[in-house]
Amino acid sequence: MAARHRIRCIRKADRQGAHERILSIGGVNWDGRPWILSLAAAIAGIESGTLSFYVTDECGYSTYVIVALYDGHKYLKTENDGLQPGNLLSLPECPWRDPTGRR
């Protein structure tokens, strides 16, 4: 069974394409420690069945994050988003460093 994680923040690129806008996702572990994953690692985890992600809106409703394909490129979006990953893009920027050293 896939480990389920809530996405609370993202890292964005200065790009406009649906498949180029999110660089990494992040959240907080059960023990309060922050985590962050690159887009490639998150996609690989979903596709292998080892990871599962979701977002929660202000009303407390959860929506699963899926891998989508646009023009031959994989990216993340929620199940109920259209082409653009709107629910993920509405999340705040992650306040901690990602694995590539970006702040």
C-alpha atoms as a PDB file:
ATOM      1  CA  MET A   1       0.000   0.000   0.000  1.00  0.00           C
ATOM      2  CA  ALA A   2       1.253   3.466  -0.890  1.00  0.00           C
ATOM      3  CA  ALA A   3       2.368   5.836   1.868  1.00  0.00           C
ATOM      4  CA  ARG A   4      -0.137   8.735   1.816  1.00  0.00           C
ATOM      5  CA  HIS A   5       1.171  12.295   2.243  1.00  0.00           C
ATOM      6  CA  ARG A   6      -0.552  15.676   2.343  1.00  0.00           C
ATOM      7  CA  ILE A   7       0.998  18.322   0.119  1.00  0.00           C
ATOM      8  CA  ARG A   8       1.049  21.657   1.942  1.00  0.00           C
ATOM      9  CA  CYS A   9       3.426  23.691  -0.211  1.00  0.00           C
ATOM     10  CA  ILE A  10       5.160  23.739  -3.591  1.00  0.00           C
ATOM     11  CA  ARG A  11       8.151  25.222  -5.382  1.00  0.00           C
ATOM     12  CA  LYS A  12       7.249  26.963  -8.628  1.00  0.00           C
ATOM     13  CA  ALA A  13       9.203  27.675 -11.782  1.00  0.00           C
ATOM     14  CA  ASP A  14       8.876  30.904 -13.729  1.00  0.00           C
ATOM     15  CA  ARG A  15       7.199  28.996 -16.554  1.00  0.00           C
ATOM     16  CA  GLN A  16       3.637  29.000 -17.826  1.00  0.00           C
ATOM     17  CA  GLY A  17       3.234  25.484 -19.261  1.00  0.00           C
ATOM     18  CA  ALA A  18       1.183  23.057 -17.163  1.00  0.00           C
ATOM     19  CA  HIS A  19       4.010  20.539 -17.129  1.00  0.00           C
ATOM     20  CA  GLU A  20       6.702  23.134 -16.247  1.00  0.00           C
ATOM     21  CA  ARG A  21       5.200  25.145 -13.416  1.00  0.00           C
ATOM     22  CA  ILE A  22       5.827  22.939 -10.362  1.00  0.00           C
ATOM     23  CA  LEU A  23       9.410  21.974  -9.455  1.00  0.00           C
ATOM     24  CA  SER A  24       8.798  20.227  -6.124  1.00  0.00           C
ATOM     25  CA  ILE A  25       6.162  19.523  -3.489  1.00  0.00           C
ATOM     26  CA  GLY A  26       6.386  19.522   0.295  1.00  0.00           C
ATOM     27  CA  GLY A  27       4.597  18.885   3.538  1.00  0.00           C
ATOM     28  CA  VAL A  28       5.080  17.869   7.156  1.00  0.00           C
ATOM     29  CA  ASN A  29       5.664  14.342   8.474  1.00  0.00           C
ATOM     30  CA  TRP A  30       3.711  12.872  11.381  1.00  0.00           C
ATOM     31  CA  ASP A  31       6.608  13.849  13.674  1.00  0.00           C
ATOM     32  CA  GLY A  32       6.529  17.507  12.591  1.00  0.00           C
ATOM     33  CA  ARG A  33       9.586  17.372  10.343  1.00  0.00           C
ATOM     34  CA  PRO A  34       9.170  19.001   6.925  1.00  0.00           C
ATOM     35  CA  TRP A  35       9.671  17.018   3.738  1.00  0.00           C
ATOM     36  CA  ILE A  36      10.137  18.077   0.134  1.00  0.00           C
ATOM     37  CA  LEU A  37      10.325  15.992  -3.030  1.00  0.00           C
ATOM     38  CA  SER A  38      11.323  16.896  -6.538  1.00  0.00           C
ATOM     39  CA  LEU A  39       8.658  16.604  -9.197  1.00  0.00           C
ATOM     40  CA  ALA A  40      10.474  13.625 -10.736  1.00  0.00           C
ATOM     41  CA  ALA A  41      10.646  11.770  -7.388  1.00  0.00           C
ATOM     42  CA  ALA A  42       6.956  12.415  -6.678  1.00  0.00           C
ATOM     43  CA  ILE A  43       5.919  11.186 -10.130  1.00  0.00           C
ATOM     44  CA  ALA A  44       8.109   8.078  -9.782  1.00  0.00           C
ATOM     45  CA  GLY A  45       6.587   7.322  -6.356  1.00  0.00           C
ATOM     46  CA  ILE A  46       3.020   7.626  -7.643  1.00  0.00           C
ATOM     47  CA  GLU A  47       3.708   5.533 -10.723  1.00  0.00           C
ATOM     48  CA  SER A  48       5.448   2.799  -8.713  1.00  0.00           C
ATOM     49  CA  GLY A  49       2.611   2.707  -6.201  1.00  0.00           C
ATOM     50  CA  THR A  50       4.869   3.488  -3.222  1.00  0.00           C
ATOM     51  CA  LEU A  51       3.636   7.058  -2.681  1.00  0.00           C
ATOM     52  CA  SER A  52       0.243   8.741  -2.743  1.00  0.00           C
ATOM     53  CA  PHE A  53      -0.406  12.470  -2.347  1.00  0.00           C
ATOM     54  CA  TYR A  54      -3.423  14.648  -1.658  1.00  0.00           C
ATOM     55  CA  VAL A  55      -4.319  18.272  -0.972  1.00  0.00           C
ATOM     56  CA  THR A  56      -6.961  19.547   1.429  1.00  0.00           C
ATOM     57  CA  ASP A  57      -9.010  22.683   0.762  1.00  0.00           C
ATOM     58  CA  GLU A  58     -10.152  25.288   3.296  1.00  0.00           C
ATOM     59  CA  CYS A  59     -13.361  23.295   3.924  1.00  0.00           C
ATOM     60  CA  GLY A  60     -11.426  20.142   4.782  1.00  0.00           C
ATOM     61  CA  TYR A  61     -12.148  18.234   1.573  1.00  0.00           C
ATOM     62  CA  SER A  62      -9.279  16.141   0.226  1.00  0.00           C
ATOM     63  CA  THR A  63      -8.444  15.529  -3.416  1.00  0.00           C
ATOM     64  CA  TYR A  64      -5.875  13.038  -4.689  1.00  0.00           C
ATOM     65  CA  VAL A  65      -2.905  14.161  -6.752  1.00  0.00           C
ATOM     66  CA  ILE A  66      -2.364  12.277 -10.004  1.00  0.00           C
ATOM     67  CA  VAL A  67       0.210  12.154 -12.771  1.00  0.00           C
ATOM     68  CA  ALA A  68      -0.972  13.838 -15.966  1.00  0.00           C
ATOM     69  CA  LEU A  69       0.571  14.020 -19.415  1.00  0.00           C
ATOM     70  CA  TYR A  70       0.757  17.091 -21.618  1.00  0.00           C
ATOM     71  CA  ASP A  71       2.620  17.237 -24.919  1.00  0.00           C
ATOM     72  CA  GLY A  72       4.685  14.188 -23.914  1.00  0.00           C
ATOM     73  CA  HIS A  73       5.654  15.595 -20.484  1.00  0.00           C
ATOM     74  CA  LYS A  74       4.480  14.276 -17.108  1.00  0.00           C
ATOM     75  CA  TYR A  75       3.369  16.616 -14.333  1.00  0.00           C
ATOM     76  CA  LEU A  76       1.223  16.595 -11.183  1.00  0.00           C
ATOM     77  CA  LYS A  77      -2.313  17.878 -10.762  1.00  0.00           C
ATOM     78  CA  THR A  78      -5.327  16.987  -8.637  1.00  0.00           C
ATOM     79  CA  GLU A  79      -8.019  14.661  -9.951  1.00  0.00           C
ATOM     80  CA  ASN A  80     -10.527  17.478 -10.345  1.00  0.00           C
ATOM     81  CA  ASP A  81      -8.200  19.996 -12.058  1.00  0.00           C
ATOM     82  CA  GLY A  82      -8.345  20.662 -15.767  1.00  0.00           C
ATOM     83  CA  LEU A  83      -5.153  21.023 -17.781  1.00  0.00           C
ATOM     84  CA  GLN A  84      -3.570  23.485 -15.335  1.00  0.00           C
ATOM     85  CA  PRO A  85      -2.689  22.190 -11.844  1.00  0.00           C
ATOM     86  CA  GLY A  86      -4.753  24.926 -10.153  1.00  0.00           C
ATOM     87  CA  ASN A  87      -5.212  23.287  -6.749  1.00  0.00           C
ATOM     88  CA  LEU A  88      -1.468  22.705  -6.396  1.00  0.00           C
ATOM     89  CA  LEU A  89      -0.561  26.146  -7.747  1.00  0.00           C
ATOM     90  CA  SER A  90      -2.762  27.783  -5.109  1.00  0.00           C
ATOM     91  CA  LEU A  91      -0.588  26.326  -2.325  1.00  0.00           C
ATOM     92  CA  PRO A  92       2.082  28.533  -0.714  1.00  0.00           C
ATOM     93  CA  GLU A  93       5.772  28.321  -1.537  1.00  0.00           C
ATOM     94  CA  CYS A  94       7.676  25.878   0.672  1.00  0.00           C
ATOM     95  CA  PRO A  95       9.625  27.808   3.346  1.00  0.00           C
ATOM     96  CA  TRP A  96      12.465  25.276   3.608  1.00  0.00           C
ATOM     97  CA  ARG A  97      15.180  24.146   1.210  1.00  0.00           C
ATOM     98  CA  ASP A  98      14.480  21.519  -1.400  1.00  0.00           C
ATOM     99  CA  PRO A  99      16.896  18.704  -2.323  1.00  0.00           C
ATOM    100  CA  THR A 100      18.525  20.818  -5.026  1.00  0.00           C
ATOM    101  CA  GLY A 101      19.460  23.511  -2.484  1.00  0.00           C
ATOM    102  CA  ARG A 102      16.956  26.128  -3.667  1.00  0.00           C
ATOM    103  CA  ARG A 103      15.402  28.222  -0.928  1.00  0.00           C
END
